[in-house]
Amino acid sequence: MRVRSPARKIARPTGKFLLGAKRDAQSVTRDWHVLRELIAGVEVREVKNVLKDNGYLTEIWREDWGLRPSAVAQVFQALIEPRGISAWHVHRHATDRLFASHGRLKIVLYDARSDSASSGRINVFHCGTARPMLIVVPPGVWHGVHNVGAGTALLLNLPDRAYAYDAPDHWRLPPDTDQIPYSFTTAARPLRGDPGQF
């Protein structure tokens, strides 16, 4: 003999959607320009890989792109292990130009400058092999990098001032500091000034 289980009350959606569903805000234009309010002084240049018979070529820096400042005093590369985090860093005088050349990186910027029009703003950039970009980080803007991919990632930096071994213009806070309203270690949460996931 078959016994019927007691009926459960199930919340039924209204129309085609579940209750409480909200539409995403527009985060990218039809021609794939990401919509975001950049921190004052931050510049972004997305580039495209040029496919060739033997692989691809990616331009990293061109003076005629007009990104400020134009001088490149040093070029170095950092290899970041899977899930590795390098945060938080800031410079008083140097401008960094960060380029994710391989892998999948999340680069996060925080404007702690009290005299800045964008003070308190956070910018999040997802970049790497599939979406190469050069990010210009002005002095006074904190930045951190998180390898969100399964493999190693490479980050190039083309600063306007060479590293001063005897008196580094390099200041640090730990990744989990409570002085910056962003966490690399907790689940993603909506951020002021970051309309979407691009």
Protein backbone atom coordinates (compact mmCIF):
# COMPACT_ATOMS: atom_id res chain seq x y z
CA MET A 1 0.00 0.00 0.00
CA ARG A 2 1.35 3.40 -0.97
CA VAL A 3 1.38 6.10 1.72
CA ARG A 4 1.22 9.72 0.66
CA SER A 5 3.59 12.10 2.38
CA PRO A 6 1.98 15.11 4.00
CA ALA A 7 1.72 18.10 1.67
CA ARG A 8 4.31 20.82 2.21
CA LYS A 9 3.54 24.45 1.68
CA ILE A 10 5.89 25.85 -0.90
CA ALA A 11 6.34 29.56 -1.50
CA ARG A 12 5.12 30.16 -5.02
CA PRO A 13 6.75 32.84 -7.15
CA THR A 14 4.70 35.76 -8.34
CA GLY A 15 4.77 35.83 -12.12
CA LYS A 16 8.07 34.46 -13.39
CA PHE A 17 10.31 35.54 -10.50
CA LEU A 18 10.85 34.54 -6.91
CA LEU A 19 9.91 37.04 -4.25
CA GLY A 20 12.69 39.47 -3.41
CA ALA A 21 14.52 39.10 -6.73
CA LYS A 22 16.23 42.30 -7.88
CA ARG A 23 17.48 43.24 -11.31
CA ASP A 24 21.24 43.78 -11.69
CA ALA A 25 22.33 47.36 -12.26
CA GLN A 26 24.03 47.99 -15.61
CA SER A 27 27.74 47.38 -15.17
CA VAL A 28 29.00 47.40 -18.76
CA THR A 29 28.04 49.16 -22.00
CA ARG A 30 27.07 47.54 -25.28
CA ASP A 31 30.68 47.89 -26.51
CA TRP A 32 32.05 46.46 -23.24
CA HIS A 33 33.21 49.62 -21.48
CA VAL A 34 32.94 48.93 -17.77
CA LEU A 35 30.81 51.45 -15.89
CA ARG A 36 32.51 52.53 -12.68
CA GLU A 37 33.47 55.72 -10.94
CA LEU A 38 37.23 55.63 -10.81
CA ILE A 39 39.19 56.87 -7.85
CA ALA A 40 40.62 60.35 -8.54
CA GLY A 41 43.90 60.00 -10.46
CA VAL A 42 43.38 56.32 -11.35
CA GLU A 43 43.55 55.57 -15.07
CA VAL A 44 42.75 52.29 -16.82
CA ARG A 45 43.77 51.19 -20.29
CA GLU A 46 42.23 47.91 -21.43
CA VAL A 47 44.21 46.29 -24.21
CA LYS A 48 43.49 43.44 -26.58
CA ASN A 49 45.58 40.41 -27.30
CA VAL A 50 46.65 40.31 -30.94
CA LEU A 51 46.31 36.73 -32.16
CA LYS A 52 49.17 35.50 -34.32
CA ASP A 53 50.01 32.20 -36.01
CA ASN A 54 52.39 31.31 -33.20
CA GLY A 55 50.40 32.64 -30.20
CA TYR A 56 49.48 36.19 -29.30
CA LEU A 57 51.07 39.57 -28.61
CA THR A 58 49.92 41.99 -25.91
CA GLU A 59 51.01 45.62 -25.69
CA ILE A 60 51.75 46.56 -22.09
CA TRP A 61 52.81 50.23 -22.29
CA ARG A 62 52.92 52.92 -24.93
CA GLU A 63 53.88 56.50 -24.24
CA ASP A 64 51.34 57.72 -26.81
CA TRP A 65 48.49 56.27 -24.69
CA GLY A 66 48.81 59.53 -22.73
CA LEU A 67 48.69 57.97 -19.27
CA ARG A 68 50.27 60.13 -16.57
CA PRO A 69 53.07 60.35 -15.62
CA SER A 70 54.87 59.22 -18.76
CA ALA A 71 58.27 58.26 -17.29
CA VAL A 72 58.99 54.59 -16.60
CA ALA A 73 61.86 54.26 -14.11
CA GLN A 74 61.78 50.51 -13.51
CA VAL A 75 59.94 47.37 -14.67
CA PHE A 76 59.49 44.35 -12.44
CA GLN A 77 57.37 41.24 -12.30
CA ALA A 78 55.73 39.45 -9.36
CA LEU A 79 54.60 35.84 -9.52
CA ILE A 80 51.58 35.25 -7.27
CA GLU A 81 50.68 31.69 -6.29
CA PRO A 82 47.06 30.44 -6.61
CA ARG A 83 44.83 32.16 -4.01
CA GLY A 84 47.81 34.30 -2.98
CA ILE A 85 47.19 37.82 -1.67
CA SER A 86 49.58 40.74 -1.76
CA ALA A 87 47.99 43.57 0.22
CA TRP A 88 47.89 46.34 1.29
CA HIS A 89 50.50 48.71 -0.22
CA VAL A 90 50.75 52.46 -0.73
CA HIS A 91 53.37 54.96 -1.86
CA ARG A 92 53.75 58.61 -0.88
CA HIS A 93 55.55 59.67 -4.05
CA ALA A 94 55.59 56.85 -6.62
CA THR A 95 52.92 56.07 -9.19
CA ASP A 96 52.45 52.37 -9.93
CA ARG A 97 51.31 51.00 -13.28
CA LEU A 98 50.02 47.48 -12.71
CA PHE A 99 49.56 45.04 -15.58
CA ALA A 100 48.24 41.50 -15.05
CA SER A 101 50.00 39.64 -17.84
CA HIS A 102 49.03 36.05 -17.01
CA GLY A 103 46.43 34.30 -14.88
CA ARG A 104 43.35 35.72 -13.14
CA LEU A 105 43.87 38.60 -10.74
CA LYS A 106 41.57 40.82 -8.74
CA ILE A 107 43.18 44.21 -8.11
CA VAL A 108 41.54 46.32 -5.43
CA LEU A 109 42.20 50.04 -4.84
CA TYR A 110 41.16 52.12 -1.85
CA ASP A 111 41.33 55.92 -1.68
CA ALA A 112 42.26 56.92 1.89
CA ARG A 113 43.35 60.44 0.90
CA SER A 114 41.33 62.85 3.03
CA ASP A 115 41.73 65.67 0.47
CA SER A 116 40.57 63.56 -2.48
CA ALA A 117 37.19 64.00 -4.20
CA SER A 118 36.89 60.20 -4.15
CA SER A 119 38.02 59.66 -0.55
CA GLY A 120 36.64 56.37 0.77
CA ARG A 121 35.95 54.92 -2.70
CA ILE A 122 36.93 51.36 -3.62
CA ASN A 123 37.63 50.15 -7.17
CA VAL A 124 37.78 46.44 -8.01
CA PHE A 125 39.30 45.23 -11.30
CA HIS A 126 39.17 41.65 -12.64
CA CYS A 127 41.98 41.23 -15.11
CA GLY A 128 44.60 38.90 -16.52
CA THR A 129 45.14 36.75 -19.59
CA ALA A 130 41.52 36.99 -20.76
CA ARG A 131 41.14 40.70 -19.99
CA PRO A 132 44.51 42.47 -19.97
CA MET A 133 44.63 46.03 -18.67
CA LEU A 134 47.08 48.59 -17.34
CA ILE A 135 45.97 50.28 -14.11
CA VAL A 136 47.65 53.53 -13.06
CA VAL A 137 47.68 53.86 -9.25
CA PRO A 138 48.59 57.36 -8.00
CA PRO A 139 50.46 58.09 -4.76
CA GLY A 140 48.29 57.76 -1.66
CA VAL A 141 45.95 55.11 -3.09
CA TRP A 142 46.16 51.77 -1.26
CA HIS A 143 46.22 48.69 -3.47
CA GLY A 144 46.05 44.95 -3.07
CA VAL A 145 46.19 42.00 -5.44
CA HIS A 146 44.48 38.62 -5.13
CA ASN A 147 45.15 35.66 -7.43
CA VAL A 148 41.62 34.29 -7.86
CA GLY A 149 42.67 31.67 -10.41
CA ALA A 150 43.72 28.04 -10.08
CA GLY A 151 47.21 28.65 -11.53
CA THR A 152 50.03 31.07 -10.91
CA ALA A 153 49.55 34.67 -12.04
CA LEU A 154 52.05 37.28 -13.20
CA LEU A 155 51.79 40.97 -12.37
CA LEU A 156 54.05 43.55 -13.98
CA ASN A 157 54.70 46.97 -12.47
CA LEU A 158 56.08 49.93 -14.42
CA PRO A 159 56.45 52.64 -11.73
CA ASP A 160 57.55 56.20 -12.44
CA ARG A 161 60.18 55.98 -9.66
CA ALA A 162 62.64 53.17 -9.14
CA TYR A 163 62.58 51.32 -5.83
CA ALA A 164 64.88 53.10 -3.36
CA TYR A 165 66.71 50.29 -1.56
CA ASP A 166 68.04 52.56 1.23
CA ALA A 167 64.72 54.39 1.90
CA PRO A 168 61.77 52.55 0.33
CA ASP A 169 58.66 54.60 -0.51
CA HIS A 170 56.61 51.53 0.32
CA TRP A 171 54.13 51.37 3.19
CA ARG A 172 52.11 48.31 4.20
CA LEU A 173 49.05 47.15 6.11
CA PRO A 174 48.00 43.49 6.51
CA PRO A 175 45.33 42.09 4.14
CA ASP A 176 42.81 41.82 6.99
CA THR A 177 43.26 45.35 8.36
CA ASP A 178 40.12 47.01 9.72
CA GLN A 179 41.33 50.38 8.35
CA ILE A 180 40.26 49.52 4.80
CA PRO A 181 36.60 48.59 4.20
CA TYR A 182 37.36 45.57 2.01
CA SER A 183 38.09 41.97 2.89
CA PHE A 184 40.01 39.55 0.69
CA THR A 185 39.18 36.69 3.04
CA THR A 186 35.39 36.88 3.41
CA ALA A 187 32.69 36.20 0.87
CA ALA A 188 32.11 38.90 -1.70
CA ARG A 189 29.77 41.65 -0.62
CA PRO A 190 28.41 44.67 -2.49
CA LEU A 191 30.81 47.59 -2.46
CA ARG A 192 30.07 51.29 -2.67
CA GLY A 193 31.17 52.43 -6.12
CA ASP A 194 31.35 48.91 -7.63
CA PRO A 195 28.13 48.37 -9.63
CA GLY A 196 28.91 44.90 -10.92
CA GLN A 197 31.20 41.97 -11.32
CA PHE A 198 33.15 43.18 -14.38
